[in-house]
Amino acid sequence: MITEFVENPDKAPEEYHKFVETVNRENRDFDEVASEILLGIEDIDHRELVESYIDAARWM
């Protein structure tokens, strides 16, 4: 997943882009915003996908 993220960040889920925008625009805590975004996703598989992108961003 990290390789895909690095090579194709534009293919990241919409929620990931919302996460990045919120962290950058509002200068908020990374983990706080991640929790808010992930709590709003009902589909478990999709939540795990978004979480993997957020985790990859943590290491960037």
PDB file of N, CA and C in Angstrom:
ATOM      1  N   MET A   1       0.819  -1.196   0.000  1.00  0.00           N
ATOM      2  CA  MET A   1       0.000   0.000   0.000  1.00  0.00           C
ATOM      3  C   MET A   1       0.861   1.258   0.000  1.00  0.00           C
ATOM      4  N   ILE A   2       1.959   1.257   0.736  1.00  0.00           N
ATOM      5  CA  ILE A   2       2.799   2.449   0.776  1.00  0.00           C
ATOM      6  C   ILE A   2       3.369   2.741  -0.604  1.00  0.00           C
ATOM      7  N   THR A   3       3.778   1.713  -1.332  1.00  0.00           N
ATOM      8  CA  THR A   3       4.305   1.912  -2.680  1.00  0.00           C
ATOM      9  C   THR A   3       3.243   2.525  -3.576  1.00  0.00           C
ATOM     10  N   GLU A   4       2.028   2.008  -3.504  1.00  0.00           N
ATOM     11  CA  GLU A   4       0.933   2.557  -4.306  1.00  0.00           C
ATOM     12  C   GLU A   4       0.678   4.010  -3.933  1.00  0.00           C
ATOM     13  N   PHE A   5       0.714   4.305  -2.646  1.00  0.00           N
ATOM     14  CA  PHE A   5       0.490   5.664  -2.166  1.00  0.00           C
ATOM     15  C   PHE A   5       1.537   6.616  -2.738  1.00  0.00           C
ATOM     16  N   VAL A   6       2.789   6.207  -2.692  1.00  0.00           N
ATOM     17  CA  VAL A   6       3.880   7.052  -3.170  1.00  0.00           C
ATOM     18  C   VAL A   6       3.787   7.249  -4.677  1.00  0.00           C
ATOM     19  N   GLU A   7       3.452   6.188  -5.395  1.00  0.00           N
ATOM     20  CA  GLU A   7       3.411   6.257  -6.851  1.00  0.00           C
ATOM     21  C   GLU A   7       2.141   6.920  -7.383  1.00  0.00           C
ATOM     22  N   ASN A   8       1.039   6.798  -6.680  1.00  0.00           N
ATOM     23  CA  ASN A   8      -0.250   7.303  -7.171  1.00  0.00           C
ATOM     24  C   ASN A   8      -1.069   7.967  -6.068  1.00  0.00           C
ATOM     25  N   PRO A   9      -0.597   9.050  -5.480  1.00  0.00           N
ATOM     26  CA  PRO A   9      -1.363   9.659  -4.391  1.00  0.00           C
ATOM     27  C   PRO A   9      -2.732  10.180  -4.837  1.00  0.00           C
ATOM     28  N   ASP A  10      -2.885  10.472  -6.132  1.00  0.00           N
ATOM     29  CA  ASP A  10      -4.170  10.959  -6.627  1.00  0.00           C
ATOM     30  C   ASP A  10      -5.250   9.881  -6.604  1.00  0.00           C
ATOM     31  N   LYS A  11      -4.844   8.614  -6.513  1.00  0.00           N
ATOM     32  CA  LYS A  11      -5.808   7.517  -6.467  1.00  0.00           C
ATOM     33  C   LYS A  11      -6.276   7.222  -5.044  1.00  0.00           C
ATOM     34  N   ALA A  12      -5.804   7.997  -4.098  1.00  0.00           N
ATOM     35  CA  ALA A  12      -6.202   7.804  -2.702  1.00  0.00           C
ATOM     36  C   ALA A  12      -7.692   8.107  -2.550  1.00  0.00           C
ATOM     37  N   PRO A  13      -8.336   7.476  -1.580  1.00  0.00           N
ATOM     38  CA  PRO A  13      -9.756   7.725  -1.347  1.00  0.00           C
ATOM     39  C   PRO A  13     -10.027   9.198  -1.000  1.00  0.00           C
ATOM     40  N   GLU A  14     -11.227   9.639  -1.297  1.00  0.00           N
ATOM     41  CA  GLU A  14     -11.639  11.019  -1.038  1.00  0.00           C
ATOM     42  C   GLU A  14     -11.422  11.411   0.426  1.00  0.00           C
ATOM     43  N   GLU A  15     -11.695  10.488   1.332  1.00  0.00           N
ATOM     44  CA  GLU A  15     -11.545  10.780   2.756  1.00  0.00           C
ATOM     45  C   GLU A  15     -10.094  11.086   3.123  1.00  0.00           C
ATOM     46  N   TYR A  16      -9.168  10.446   2.431  1.00  0.00           N
ATOM     47  CA  TYR A  16      -7.753  10.722   2.684  1.00  0.00           C
ATOM     48  C   TYR A  16      -7.428  12.164   2.307  1.00  0.00           C
ATOM     49  N   HIS A  17      -7.914  12.603   1.154  1.00  0.00           N
ATOM     50  CA  HIS A  17      -7.660  13.976   0.715  1.00  0.00           C
ATOM     51  C   HIS A  17      -8.295  14.966   1.692  1.00  0.00           C
ATOM     52  N   LYS A  18      -9.477  14.636   2.193  1.00  0.00           N
ATOM     53  CA  LYS A  18     -10.127  15.483   3.197  1.00  0.00           C
ATOM     54  C   LYS A  18      -9.263  15.554   4.457  1.00  0.00           C
ATOM     55  N   PHE A  19      -8.699  14.430   4.854  1.00  0.00           N
ATOM     56  CA  PHE A  19      -7.814  14.368   6.013  1.00  0.00           C
ATOM     57  C   PHE A  19      -6.626  15.313   5.831  1.00  0.00           C
ATOM     58  N   VAL A  20      -5.952  15.219   4.695  1.00  0.00           N
ATOM     59  CA  VAL A  20      -4.776  16.051   4.428  1.00  0.00           C
ATOM     60  C   VAL A  20      -5.152  17.530   4.431  1.00  0.00           C
ATOM     61  N   GLU A  21      -6.247  17.865   3.768  1.00  0.00           N
ATOM     62  CA  GLU A  21      -6.685  19.258   3.716  1.00  0.00           C
ATOM     63  C   GLU A  21      -6.982  19.792   5.110  1.00  0.00           C
ATOM     64  N   THR A  22      -7.656  19.003   5.929  1.00  0.00           N
ATOM     65  CA  THR A  22      -8.017  19.444   7.278  1.00  0.00           C
ATOM     66  C   THR A  22      -6.780  19.649   8.143  1.00  0.00           C
ATOM     67  N   VAL A  23      -5.864  18.703   8.107  1.00  0.00           N
ATOM     68  CA  VAL A  23      -4.634  18.828   8.904  1.00  0.00           C
ATOM     69  C   VAL A  23      -3.859  20.075   8.476  1.00  0.00           C
ATOM     70  N   ASN A  24      -3.728  20.288   7.189  1.00  0.00           N
ATOM     71  CA  ASN A  24      -2.953  21.430   6.690  1.00  0.00           C
ATOM     72  C   ASN A  24      -3.670  22.759   6.904  1.00  0.00           C
ATOM     73  N   ARG A  25      -4.948  22.818   6.603  1.00  0.00           N
ATOM     74  CA  ARG A  25      -5.699  24.065   6.676  1.00  0.00           C
ATOM     75  C   ARG A  25      -5.913  24.522   8.114  1.00  0.00           C
ATOM     76  N   GLU A  26      -6.285  23.579   8.984  1.00  0.00           N
ATOM     77  CA  GLU A  26      -6.638  23.936  10.356  1.00  0.00           C
ATOM     78  C   GLU A  26      -5.490  23.730  11.334  1.00  0.00           C
ATOM     79  N   ASN A  27      -4.361  23.224  10.827  1.00  0.00           N
ATOM     80  CA  ASN A  27      -3.186  22.976  11.674  1.00  0.00           C
ATOM     81  C   ASN A  27      -3.566  22.181  12.925  1.00  0.00           C
ATOM     82  N   ARG A  28      -4.309  21.095  12.711  1.00  0.00           N
ATOM     83  CA  ARG A  28      -4.790  20.263  13.814  1.00  0.00           C
ATOM     84  C   ARG A  28      -3.935  19.023  13.974  1.00  0.00           C
ATOM     85  N   ASP A  29      -4.106  18.369  15.110  1.00  0.00           N
ATOM     86  CA  ASP A  29      -3.368  17.158  15.429  1.00  0.00           C
ATOM     87  C   ASP A  29      -3.690  16.049  14.428  1.00  0.00           C
ATOM     88  N   PHE A  30      -2.654  15.417  13.938  1.00  0.00           N
ATOM     89  CA  PHE A  30      -2.742  14.339  12.954  1.00  0.00           C
ATOM     90  C   PHE A  30      -3.695  13.240  13.428  1.00  0.00           C
ATOM     91  N   ASP A  31      -3.477  12.729  14.636  1.00  0.00           N
ATOM     92  CA  ASP A  31      -4.273  11.610  15.150  1.00  0.00           C
ATOM     93  C   ASP A  31      -5.723  11.998  15.416  1.00  0.00           C
ATOM     94  N   GLU A  32      -5.941  13.223  15.859  1.00  0.00           N
ATOM     95  CA  GLU A  32      -7.299  13.702  16.122  1.00  0.00           C
ATOM     96  C   GLU A  32      -8.117  13.729  14.834  1.00  0.00           C
ATOM     97  N   VAL A  33      -7.537  14.278  13.792  1.00  0.00           N
ATOM     98  CA  VAL A  33      -8.236  14.358  12.506  1.00  0.00           C
ATOM     99  C   VAL A  33      -8.442  12.962  11.926  1.00  0.00           C
ATOM    100  N   ALA A  34      -7.430  12.109  12.030  1.00  0.00           N
ATOM    101  CA  ALA A  34      -7.555  10.738  11.525  1.00  0.00           C
ATOM    102  C   ALA A  34      -8.711  10.021  12.209  1.00  0.00           C
ATOM    103  N   SER A  35      -8.825  10.168  13.518  1.00  0.00           N
ATOM    104  CA  SER A  35      -9.912   9.520  14.261  1.00  0.00           C
ATOM    105  C   SER A  35     -11.270  10.010  13.787  1.00  0.00           C
ATOM    106  N   GLU A  36     -11.403  11.318  13.608  1.00  0.00           N
ATOM    107  CA  GLU A  36     -12.675  11.883  13.145  1.00  0.00           C
ATOM    108  C   GLU A  36     -13.052  11.340  11.770  1.00  0.00           C
ATOM    109  N   ILE A  37     -12.094  11.317  10.876  1.00  0.00           N
ATOM    110  CA  ILE A  37     -12.351  10.839   9.512  1.00  0.00           C
ATOM    111  C   ILE A  37     -12.743   9.364   9.537  1.00  0.00           C
ATOM    112  N   LEU A  38     -11.974   8.550  10.244  1.00  0.00           N
ATOM    113  CA  LEU A  38     -12.213   7.102  10.257  1.00  0.00           C
ATOM    114  C   LEU A  38     -13.525   6.750  10.945  1.00  0.00           C
ATOM    115  N   LEU A  39     -13.902   7.492  11.972  1.00  0.00           N
ATOM    116  CA  LEU A  39     -15.170   7.217  12.661  1.00  0.00           C
ATOM    117  C   LEU A  39     -16.372   7.457  11.751  1.00  0.00           C
ATOM    118  N   GLY A  40     -16.202   8.320  10.757  1.00  0.00           N
ATOM    119  CA  GLY A  40     -17.298   8.633   9.852  1.00  0.00           C
ATOM    120  C   GLY A  40     -17.479   7.631   8.718  1.00  0.00           C
ATOM    121  N   ILE A  41     -16.647   6.615   8.651  1.00  0.00           N
ATOM    122  CA  ILE A  41     -16.715   5.629   7.566  1.00  0.00           C
ATOM    123  C   ILE A  41     -17.322   4.340   8.103  1.00  0.00           C
ATOM    124  N   GLU A  42     -18.495   3.990   7.600  1.00  0.00           N
ATOM    125  CA  GLU A  42     -19.202   2.808   8.094  1.00  0.00           C
ATOM    126  C   GLU A  42     -18.674   1.501   7.504  1.00  0.00           C
ATOM    127  N   ASP A  43     -18.329   1.500   6.238  1.00  0.00           N
ATOM    128  CA  ASP A  43     -17.859   0.284   5.578  1.00  0.00           C
ATOM    129  C   ASP A  43     -16.467  -0.077   6.101  1.00  0.00           C
ATOM    130  N   ILE A  44     -16.344  -1.238   6.697  1.00  0.00           N
ATOM    131  CA  ILE A  44     -15.093  -1.649   7.343  1.00  0.00           C
ATOM    132  C   ILE A  44     -13.942  -1.741   6.345  1.00  0.00           C
ATOM    133  N   ASP A  45     -14.184  -2.332   5.185  1.00  0.00           N
ATOM    134  CA  ASP A  45     -13.117  -2.471   4.186  1.00  0.00           C
ATOM    135  C   ASP A  45     -12.626  -1.105   3.706  1.00  0.00           C
ATOM    136  N   HIS A  46     -13.576  -0.205   3.481  1.00  0.00           N
ATOM    137  CA  HIS A  46     -13.200   1.138   3.026  1.00  0.00           C
ATOM    138  C   HIS A  46     -12.451   1.875   4.138  1.00  0.00           C
ATOM    139  N   ARG A  47     -12.905   1.712   5.369  1.00  0.00           N
ATOM    140  CA  ARG A  47     -12.231   2.339   6.511  1.00  0.00           C
ATOM    141  C   ARG A  47     -10.780   1.860   6.599  1.00  0.00           C
ATOM    142  N   GLU A  48     -10.575   0.564   6.420  1.00  0.00           N
ATOM    143  CA  GLU A  48      -9.215   0.013   6.470  1.00  0.00           C
ATOM    144  C   GLU A  48      -8.352   0.555   5.329  1.00  0.00           C
ATOM    145  N   LEU A  49      -8.949   0.743   4.162  1.00  0.00           N
ATOM    146  CA  LEU A  49      -8.220   1.313   3.033  1.00  0.00           C
ATOM    147  C   LEU A  49      -7.776   2.738   3.354  1.00  0.00           C
ATOM    148  N   VAL A  50      -8.709   3.544   3.834  1.00  0.00           N
ATOM    149  CA  VAL A  50      -8.388   4.930   4.182  1.00  0.00           C
ATOM    150  C   VAL A  50      -7.334   4.962   5.286  1.00  0.00           C
ATOM    151  N   GLU A  51      -7.488   4.095   6.269  1.00  0.00           N
ATOM    152  CA  GLU A  51      -6.535   4.038   7.374  1.00  0.00           C
ATOM    153  C   GLU A  51      -5.128   3.689   6.870  1.00  0.00           C
ATOM    154  N   SER A  52      -5.044   2.811   5.889  1.00  0.00           N
ATOM    155  CA  SER A  52      -3.725   2.449   5.359  1.00  0.00           C
ATOM    156  C   SER A  52      -3.070   3.637   4.658  1.00  0.00           C
ATOM    157  N   TYR A  53      -3.856   4.456   3.972  1.00  0.00           N
ATOM    158  CA  TYR A  53      -3.302   5.654   3.343  1.00  0.00           C
ATOM    159  C   TYR A  53      -2.849   6.653   4.399  1.00  0.00           C
ATOM    160  N   ILE A  54      -3.639   6.820   5.444  1.00  0.00           N
ATOM    161  CA  ILE A  54      -3.269   7.735   6.524  1.00  0.00           C
ATOM    162  C   ILE A  54      -1.999   7.248   7.208  1.00  0.00           C
ATOM    163  N   ASP A  55      -1.912   5.954   7.451  1.00  0.00           N
ATOM    164  CA  ASP A  55      -0.707   5.393   8.069  1.00  0.00           C
ATOM    165  C   ASP A  55       0.516   5.591   7.173  1.00  0.00           C
ATOM    166  N   ALA A  56       0.331   5.432   5.865  1.00  0.00           N
ATOM    167  CA  ALA A  56       1.442   5.644   4.937  1.00  0.00           C
ATOM    168  C   ALA A  56       1.903   7.099   4.986  1.00  0.00           C
ATOM    169  N   ALA A  57       0.960   8.017   5.095  1.00  0.00           N
ATOM    170  CA  ALA A  57       1.308   9.440   5.166  1.00  0.00           C
ATOM    171  C   ALA A  57       2.106   9.742   6.427  1.00  0.00           C
ATOM    172  N   ARG A  58       1.840   9.016   7.463  1.00  0.00           N
ATOM    173  CA  ARG A  58       2.552   9.213   8.729  1.00  0.00           C
ATOM    174  C   ARG A  58       4.057   8.983   8.534  1.00  0.00           C
ATOM    175  N   TRP A  59       4.420   8.102   7.624  1.00  0.00           N
ATOM    176  CA  TRP A  59       5.829   7.761   7.405  1.00  0.00           C
ATOM    177  C   TRP A  59       6.471   8.575   6.296  1.00  0.00           C
ATOM    178  N   MET A  60       5.708   9.451   5.690  1.00  0.00           N
ATOM    179  CA  MET A  60       6.242  10.270   4.585  1.00  0.00           C
ATOM    180  C   MET A  60       7.014  11.458   5.114  1.00  0.00           C
TER     181      MET A  60
END
